[in-house]
Amino acid sequence: MCLGDILTKMEVFLFLTSLLQQFHLKIPDGEQPPEVASIVSASMAPKPFKVSLIDSHFTAPNEQWFCVEKIIFQL
């Protein structure tokens, strides 16, 4: 087992938990949910999709939305 593998998994976990603590994720109006299928190449990656993020510190759920065109995590 490689030490880099353990560190990478820990960093990805910390990044994702921090992201989920700071933002609420929502599919933009009129968009389809992401497909479960992936793009197969040297490594598997999700197909591009759109997601809206809202700062979780705002009390009103419809304030301060912004759109991220693609979220693709590559390790």
PDB file of N, CA and C in Angstrom:
ATOM      1  N   MET A   1       0.844  -1.181   0.000  1.00  0.00           N
ATOM      2  CA  MET A   1       0.000   0.000   0.000  1.00  0.00           C
ATOM      3  C   MET A   1       0.893   1.250   0.000  1.00  0.00           C
ATOM      4  N   CYS A   2       0.516   2.209  -0.774  1.00  0.00           N
ATOM      5  CA  CYS A   2       1.289   3.438  -0.939  1.00  0.00           C
ATOM      6  C   CYS A   2       0.831   4.497   0.071  1.00  0.00           C
ATOM      7  N   LEU A   3       1.775   5.210   0.674  1.00  0.00           N
ATOM      8  CA  LEU A   3       1.443   6.280   1.614  1.00  0.00           C
ATOM      9  C   LEU A   3       0.662   7.391   0.913  1.00  0.00           C
ATOM     10  N   GLY A   4       0.982   7.650  -0.338  1.00  0.00           N
ATOM     11  CA  GLY A   4       0.264   8.664  -1.107  1.00  0.00           C
ATOM     12  C   GLY A   4      -1.205   8.330  -1.280  1.00  0.00           C
ATOM     13  N   ASP A   5      -1.523   7.048  -1.369  1.00  0.00           N
ATOM     14  CA  ASP A   5      -2.911   6.607  -1.497  1.00  0.00           C
ATOM     15  C   ASP A   5      -3.709   6.998  -0.257  1.00  0.00           C
ATOM     16  N   ILE A   6      -3.146   6.765   0.911  1.00  0.00           N
ATOM     17  CA  ILE A   6      -3.819   7.110   2.169  1.00  0.00           C
ATOM     18  C   ILE A   6      -3.996   8.623   2.281  1.00  0.00           C
ATOM     19  N   LEU A   7      -2.948   9.376   1.963  1.00  0.00           N
ATOM     20  CA  LEU A   7      -3.032  10.840   2.032  1.00  0.00           C
ATOM     21  C   LEU A   7      -4.052  11.392   1.047  1.00  0.00           C
ATOM     22  N   THR A   8      -4.088  10.832  -0.151  1.00  0.00           N
ATOM     23  CA  THR A   8      -5.043  11.285  -1.162  1.00  0.00           C
ATOM     24  C   THR A   8      -6.472  11.054  -0.705  1.00  0.00           C
ATOM     25  N   LYS A   9      -6.754   9.868  -0.190  1.00  0.00           N
ATOM     26  CA  LYS A   9      -8.105   9.576   0.291  1.00  0.00           C
ATOM     27  C   LYS A   9      -8.500  10.513   1.426  1.00  0.00           C
ATOM     28  N   MET A  10      -7.561  10.809   2.320  1.00  0.00           N
ATOM     29  CA  MET A  10      -7.843  11.706   3.432  1.00  0.00           C
ATOM     30  C   MET A  10      -8.112  13.126   2.926  1.00  0.00           C
ATOM     31  N   GLU A  11      -7.315  13.598   1.985  1.00  0.00           N
ATOM     32  CA  GLU A  11      -7.493  14.946   1.446  1.00  0.00           C
ATOM     33  C   GLU A  11      -8.814  15.082   0.699  1.00  0.00           C
ATOM     34  N   VAL A  12      -9.172  14.086  -0.101  1.00  0.00           N
ATOM     35  CA  VAL A  12     -10.446  14.119  -0.827  1.00  0.00           C
ATOM     36  C   VAL A  12     -11.603  14.117   0.161  1.00  0.00           C
ATOM     37  N   PHE A  13     -11.515  13.297   1.206  1.00  0.00           N
ATOM     38  CA  PHE A  13     -12.554  13.257   2.232  1.00  0.00           C
ATOM     39  C   PHE A  13     -12.699  14.619   2.904  1.00  0.00           C
ATOM     40  N   LEU A  14     -11.582  15.237   3.297  1.00  0.00           N
ATOM     41  CA  LEU A  14     -11.633  16.545   3.950  1.00  0.00           C
ATOM     42  C   LEU A  14     -12.187  17.618   3.016  1.00  0.00           C
ATOM     43  N   PHE A  15     -11.790  17.574   1.745  1.00  0.00           N
ATOM     44  CA  PHE A  15     -12.291  18.546   0.773  1.00  0.00           C
ATOM     45  C   PHE A  15     -13.800  18.421   0.603  1.00  0.00           C
ATOM     46  N   LEU A  16     -14.278  17.191   0.403  1.00  0.00           N
ATOM     47  CA  LEU A  16     -15.708  16.984   0.178  1.00  0.00           C
ATOM     48  C   LEU A  16     -16.540  17.301   1.416  1.00  0.00           C
ATOM     49  N   THR A  17     -16.076  16.920   2.596  1.00  0.00           N
ATOM     50  CA  THR A  17     -16.837  17.236   3.806  1.00  0.00           C
ATOM     51  C   THR A  17     -16.872  18.734   4.047  1.00  0.00           C
ATOM     52  N   SER A  18     -15.775  19.420   3.771  1.00  0.00           N
ATOM     53  CA  SER A  18     -15.752  20.880   3.906  1.00  0.00           C
ATOM     54  C   SER A  18     -16.719  21.526   2.918  1.00  0.00           C
ATOM     55  N   LEU A  19     -16.729  21.042   1.687  1.00  0.00           N
ATOM     56  CA  LEU A  19     -17.640  21.564   0.665  1.00  0.00           C
ATOM     57  C   LEU A  19     -19.090  21.362   1.086  1.00  0.00           C
ATOM     58  N   LEU A  20     -19.415  20.176   1.583  1.00  0.00           N
ATOM     59  CA  LEU A  20     -20.791  19.881   1.980  1.00  0.00           C
ATOM     60  C   LEU A  20     -21.206  20.629   3.243  1.00  0.00           C
ATOM     61  N   GLN A  21     -20.254  20.998   4.090  1.00  0.00           N
ATOM     62  CA  GLN A  21     -20.574  21.794   5.271  1.00  0.00           C
ATOM     63  C   GLN A  21     -20.833  23.249   4.902  1.00  0.00           C
ATOM     64  N   GLN A  22     -20.171  23.748   3.870  1.00  0.00           N
ATOM     65  CA  GLN A  22     -20.267  25.155   3.498  1.00  0.00           C
ATOM     66  C   GLN A  22     -21.395  25.455   2.518  1.00  0.00           C
ATOM     67  N   PHE A  23     -21.800  24.464   1.724  1.00  0.00           N
ATOM     68  CA  PHE A  23     -22.773  24.702   0.664  1.00  0.00           C
ATOM     69  C   PHE A  23     -23.871  23.648   0.657  1.00  0.00           C
ATOM     70  N   HIS A  24     -25.031  24.052   0.146  1.00  0.00           N
ATOM     71  CA  HIS A  24     -26.108  23.130  -0.183  1.00  0.00           C
ATOM     72  C   HIS A  24     -26.046  22.933  -1.693  1.00  0.00           C
ATOM     73  N   LEU A  25     -26.186  21.708  -2.158  1.00  0.00           N
ATOM     74  CA  LEU A  25     -26.131  21.401  -3.584  1.00  0.00           C
ATOM     75  C   LEU A  25     -27.537  21.236  -4.125  1.00  0.00           C
ATOM     76  N   LYS A  26     -27.765  21.757  -5.340  1.00  0.00           N
ATOM     77  CA  LYS A  26     -29.082  21.679  -5.963  1.00  0.00           C
ATOM     78  C   LYS A  26     -28.909  21.607  -7.469  1.00  0.00           C
ATOM     79  N   ILE A  27     -29.744  20.820  -8.116  1.00  0.00           N
ATOM     80  CA  ILE A  27     -29.754  20.775  -9.578  1.00  0.00           C
ATOM     81  C   ILE A  27     -30.479  22.023 -10.060  1.00  0.00           C
ATOM     82  N   PRO A  28     -29.886  22.811 -10.979  1.00  0.00           N
ATOM     83  CA  PRO A  28     -30.543  24.031 -11.461  1.00  0.00           C
ATOM     84  C   PRO A  28     -31.893  23.728 -12.108  1.00  0.00           C
ATOM     85  N   ASP A  29     -32.800  24.683 -12.037  1.00  0.00           N
ATOM     86  CA  ASP A  29     -34.116  24.529 -12.656  1.00  0.00           C
ATOM     87  C   ASP A  29     -33.959  24.250 -14.146  1.00  0.00           C
ATOM     88  N   GLY A  30     -34.698  23.280 -14.639  1.00  0.00           N
ATOM     89  CA  GLY A  30     -34.655  22.925 -16.053  1.00  0.00           C
ATOM     90  C   GLY A  30     -33.549  21.956 -16.426  1.00  0.00           C
ATOM     91  N   GLU A  31     -32.675  21.611 -15.503  1.00  0.00           N
ATOM     92  CA  GLU A  31     -31.580  20.680 -15.782  1.00  0.00           C
ATOM     93  C   GLU A  31     -31.965  19.270 -15.346  1.00  0.00           C
ATOM     94  N   GLN A  32     -31.386  18.290 -16.023  1.00  0.00           N
ATOM     95  CA  GLN A  32     -31.598  16.889 -15.666  1.00  0.00           C
ATOM     96  C   GLN A  32     -30.562  16.471 -14.621  1.00  0.00           C
ATOM     97  N   PRO A  33     -30.920  15.547 -13.725  1.00  0.00           N
ATOM     98  CA  PRO A  33     -29.920  15.025 -12.781  1.00  0.00           C
ATOM     99  C   PRO A  33     -28.775  14.359 -13.536  1.00  0.00           C
ATOM    100  N   PRO A  34     -27.592  14.319 -12.953  1.00  0.00           N
ATOM    101  CA  PRO A  34     -26.461  13.690 -13.649  1.00  0.00           C
ATOM    102  C   PRO A  34     -26.708  12.207 -13.881  1.00  0.00           C
ATOM    103  N   GLU A  35     -26.176  11.716 -14.989  1.00  0.00           N
ATOM    104  CA  GLU A  35     -26.303  10.300 -15.312  1.00  0.00           C
ATOM    105  C   GLU A  35     -25.355   9.489 -14.433  1.00  0.00           C
ATOM    106  N   VAL A  36     -25.745   8.267 -14.168  1.00  0.00           N
ATOM    107  CA  VAL A  36     -24.907   7.383 -13.361  1.00  0.00           C
ATOM    108  C   VAL A  36     -23.733   6.867 -14.191  1.00  0.00           C
ATOM    109  N   ALA A  37     -23.887   6.822 -15.507  1.00  0.00           N
ATOM    110  CA  ALA A  37     -22.826   6.335 -16.391  1.00  0.00           C
ATOM    111  C   ALA A  37     -21.610   7.247 -16.298  1.00  0.00           C
ATOM    112  N   SER A  38     -20.465   6.693 -16.606  1.00  0.00           N
ATOM    113  CA  SER A  38     -19.231   7.463 -16.549  1.00  0.00           C
ATOM    114  C   SER A  38     -18.506   7.383 -17.886  1.00  0.00           C
ATOM    115  N   ILE A  39     -17.490   8.218 -18.027  1.00  0.00           N
ATOM    116  CA  ILE A  39     -16.638   8.205 -19.210  1.00  0.00           C
ATOM    117  C   ILE A  39     -15.454   7.299 -18.887  1.00  0.00           C
ATOM    118  N   VAL A  40     -15.274   6.253 -19.673  1.00  0.00           N
ATOM    119  CA  VAL A  40     -14.202   5.304 -19.402  1.00  0.00           C
ATOM    120  C   VAL A  40     -12.987   5.680 -20.240  1.00  0.00           C
ATOM    121  N   SER A  41     -11.867   5.875 -19.571  1.00  0.00           N
ATOM    122  CA  SER A  41     -10.594   6.124 -20.241  1.00  0.00           C
ATOM    123  C   SER A  41      -9.526   5.487 -19.352  1.00  0.00           C
ATOM    124  N   ALA A  42      -8.400   6.131 -19.183  1.00  0.00           N
ATOM    125  CA  ALA A  42      -7.381   5.582 -18.289  1.00  0.00           C
ATOM    126  C   ALA A  42      -7.925   5.471 -16.869  1.00  0.00           C
ATOM    127  N   SER A  43      -8.795   6.398 -16.514  1.00  0.00           N
ATOM    128  CA  SER A  43      -9.517   6.318 -15.239  1.00  0.00           C
ATOM    129  C   SER A  43     -10.971   6.675 -15.505  1.00  0.00           C
ATOM    130  N   MET A  44     -11.850   6.287 -14.613  1.00  0.00           N
ATOM    131  CA  MET A  44     -13.269   6.591 -14.798  1.00  0.00           C
ATOM    132  C   MET A  44     -13.550   7.991 -14.268  1.00  0.00           C
ATOM    133  N   ALA A  45     -14.349   8.747 -14.988  1.00  0.00           N
ATOM    134  CA  ALA A  45     -14.719  10.102 -14.579  1.00  0.00           C
ATOM    135  C   ALA A  45     -16.200  10.299 -14.850  1.00  0.00           C
ATOM    136  N   PRO A  46     -16.861  11.110 -14.035  1.00  0.00           N
ATOM    137  CA  PRO A  46     -18.277  11.368 -14.304  1.00  0.00           C
ATOM    138  C   PRO A  46     -18.437  12.227 -15.545  1.00  0.00           C
ATOM    139  N   LYS A  47     -19.576  12.076 -16.209  1.00  0.00           N
ATOM    140  CA  LYS A  47     -19.878  12.962 -17.325  1.00  0.00           C
ATOM    141  C   LYS A  47     -20.114  14.359 -16.762  1.00  0.00           C
ATOM    142  N   PRO A  48     -19.795  15.413 -17.534  1.00  0.00           N
ATOM    143  CA  PRO A  48     -20.014  16.783 -17.041  1.00  0.00           C
ATOM    144  C   PRO A  48     -21.482  17.026 -16.697  1.00  0.00           C
ATOM    145  N   PHE A  49     -21.716  17.805 -15.646  1.00  0.00           N
ATOM    146  CA  PHE A  49     -23.070  18.158 -15.242  1.00  0.00           C
ATOM    147  C   PHE A  49     -23.053  19.501 -14.531  1.00  0.00           C
ATOM    148  N   LYS A  50     -24.226  20.112 -14.416  1.00  0.00           N
ATOM    149  CA  LYS A  50     -24.351  21.404 -13.750  1.00  0.00           C
ATOM    150  C   LYS A  50     -24.940  21.210 -12.363  1.00  0.00           C
ATOM    151  N   VAL A  51     -24.459  22.007 -11.433  1.00  0.00           N
ATOM    152  CA  VAL A  51     -24.978  21.977 -10.068  1.00  0.00           C
ATOM    153  C   VAL A  51     -24.949  23.406  -9.529  1.00  0.00           C
ATOM    154  N   SER A  52     -25.962  23.760  -8.775  1.00  0.00           N
ATOM    155  CA  SER A  52     -26.000  25.070  -8.130  1.00  0.00           C
ATOM    156  C   SER A  52     -25.571  24.904  -6.684  1.00  0.00           C
ATOM    157  N   LEU A  53     -24.828  25.875  -6.187  1.00  0.00           N
ATOM    158  CA  LEU A  53     -24.363  25.866  -4.806  1.00  0.00           C
ATOM    159  C   LEU A  53     -24.913  27.082  -4.087  1.00  0.00           C
ATOM    160  N   ILE A  54     -25.343  26.900  -2.850  1.00  0.00           N
ATOM    161  CA  ILE A  54     -25.766  28.035  -2.041  1.00  0.00           C
ATOM    162  C   ILE A  54     -25.007  27.970  -0.728  1.00  0.00           C
ATOM    163  N   ASP A  55     -24.532  29.114  -0.302  1.00  0.00           N
ATOM    164  CA  ASP A  55     -23.818  29.203   0.967  1.00  0.00           C
ATOM    165  C   ASP A  55     -24.761  28.767   2.079  1.00  0.00           C
ATOM    166  N   SER A  56     -24.365  27.811   2.870  1.00  0.00           N
ATOM    167  CA  SER A  56     -25.246  27.258   3.900  1.00  0.00           C
ATOM    168  C   SER A  56     -25.490  28.223   5.050  1.00  0.00           C
ATOM    169  N   HIS A  57     -24.775  29.333   5.098  1.00  0.00           N
ATOM    170  CA  HIS A  57     -24.974  30.304   6.169  1.00  0.00           C
ATOM    171  C   HIS A  57     -26.125  31.263   5.890  1.00  0.00           C
ATOM    172  N   PHE A  58     -26.636  31.282   4.641  1.00  0.00           N
ATOM    173  CA  PHE A  58     -27.799  32.105   4.336  1.00  0.00           C
ATOM    174  C   PHE A  58     -29.042  31.412   4.858  1.00  0.00           C
ATOM    175  N   THR A  59     -29.974  32.196   5.396  1.00  0.00           N
ATOM    176  CA  THR A  59     -31.180  31.596   5.968  1.00  0.00           C
ATOM    177  C   THR A  59     -32.241  31.333   4.908  1.00  0.00           C
ATOM    178  N   ALA A  60     -32.377  32.216   3.928  1.00  0.00           N
ATOM    179  CA  ALA A  60     -33.390  32.036   2.882  1.00  0.00           C
ATOM    180  C   ALA A  60     -32.834  31.089   1.818  1.00  0.00           C
ATOM    181  N   PRO A  61     -33.548  30.019   1.463  1.00  0.00           N
ATOM    182  CA  PRO A  61     -32.996  29.023   0.540  1.00  0.00           C
ATOM    183  C   PRO A  61     -32.826  29.503  -0.893  1.00  0.00           C
ATOM    184  N   ASN A  62     -33.452  30.601  -1.308  1.00  0.00           N
ATOM    185  CA  ASN A  62     -33.362  31.029  -2.707  1.00  0.00           C
ATOM    186  C   ASN A  62     -32.422  32.207  -2.919  1.00  0.00           C
ATOM    187  N   GLU A  63     -31.673  32.605  -1.914  1.00  0.00           N
ATOM    188  CA  GLU A  63     -30.760  33.733  -2.050  1.00  0.00           C
ATOM    189  C   GLU A  63     -29.363  33.267  -2.455  1.00  0.00           C
ATOM    190  N   GLN A  64     -28.691  34.091  -3.214  1.00  0.00           N
ATOM    191  CA  GLN A  64     -27.277  33.938  -3.533  1.00  0.00           C
ATOM    192  C   GLN A  64     -26.916  32.629  -4.230  1.00  0.00           C
ATOM    193  N   TRP A  65     -27.738  32.199  -5.175  1.00  0.00           N
ATOM    194  CA  TRP A  65     -27.404  31.007  -5.950  1.00  0.00           C
ATOM    195  C   TRP A  65     -26.429  31.384  -7.056  1.00  0.00           C
ATOM    196  N   PHE A  66     -25.509  30.509  -7.345  1.00  0.00           N
ATOM    197  CA  PHE A  66     -24.662  30.682  -8.512  1.00  0.00           C
ATOM    198  C   PHE A  66     -24.405  29.315  -9.120  1.00  0.00           C
ATOM    199  N   CYS A  67     -24.070  29.301 -10.380  1.00  0.00           N
ATOM    200  CA  CYS A  67     -23.975  28.037 -11.117  1.00  0.00           C
ATOM    201  C   CYS A  67     -22.518  27.699 -11.411  1.00  0.00           C
ATOM    202  N   VAL A  68     -22.170  26.456 -11.232  1.00  0.00           N
ATOM    203  CA  VAL A  68     -20.864  25.934 -11.602  1.00  0.00           C
ATOM    204  C   VAL A  68     -21.085  25.081 -12.841  1.00  0.00           C
ATOM    205  N   GLU A  69     -20.396  25.395 -13.919  1.00  0.00           N
ATOM    206  CA  GLU A  69     -20.641  24.708 -15.186  1.00  0.00           C
ATOM    207  C   GLU A  69     -20.341  23.215 -15.111  1.00  0.00           C
ATOM    208  N   LYS A  70     -19.188  22.847 -14.579  1.00  0.00           N
ATOM    209  CA  LYS A  70     -18.815  21.437 -14.522  1.00  0.00           C
ATOM    210  C   LYS A  70     -18.126  21.170 -13.190  1.00  0.00           C
ATOM    211  N   ILE A  71     -18.418  20.035 -12.636  1.00  0.00           N
ATOM    212  CA  ILE A  71     -17.659  19.577 -11.478  1.00  0.00           C
ATOM    213  C   ILE A  71     -17.091  18.221 -11.862  1.00  0.00           C
ATOM    214  N   ILE A  72     -15.793  18.180 -11.994  1.00  0.00           N
ATOM    215  CA  ILE A  72     -15.118  16.931 -12.320  1.00  0.00           C
ATOM    216  C   ILE A  72     -13.929  16.808 -11.375  1.00  0.00           C
ATOM    217  N   PHE A  73     -13.904  15.760 -10.604  1.00  0.00           N
ATOM    218  CA  PHE A  73     -12.790  15.528  -9.695  1.00  0.00           C
ATOM    219  C   PHE A  73     -11.829  14.557 -10.362  1.00  0.00           C
ATOM    220  N   GLN A  74     -10.599  14.969 -10.498  1.00  0.00           N
ATOM    221  CA  GLN A  74      -9.593  14.110 -11.103  1.00  0.00           C
ATOM    222  C   GLN A  74      -8.472  13.908 -10.097  1.00  0.00           C
ATOM    223  N   LEU A  75      -8.140  12.683  -9.864  1.00  0.00           N
ATOM    224  CA  LEU A  75      -7.050  12.371  -8.930  1.00  0.00           C
ATOM    225  C   LEU A  75      -5.866  11.819  -9.679  1.00  0.00           C
TER     226      LEU A  75
END
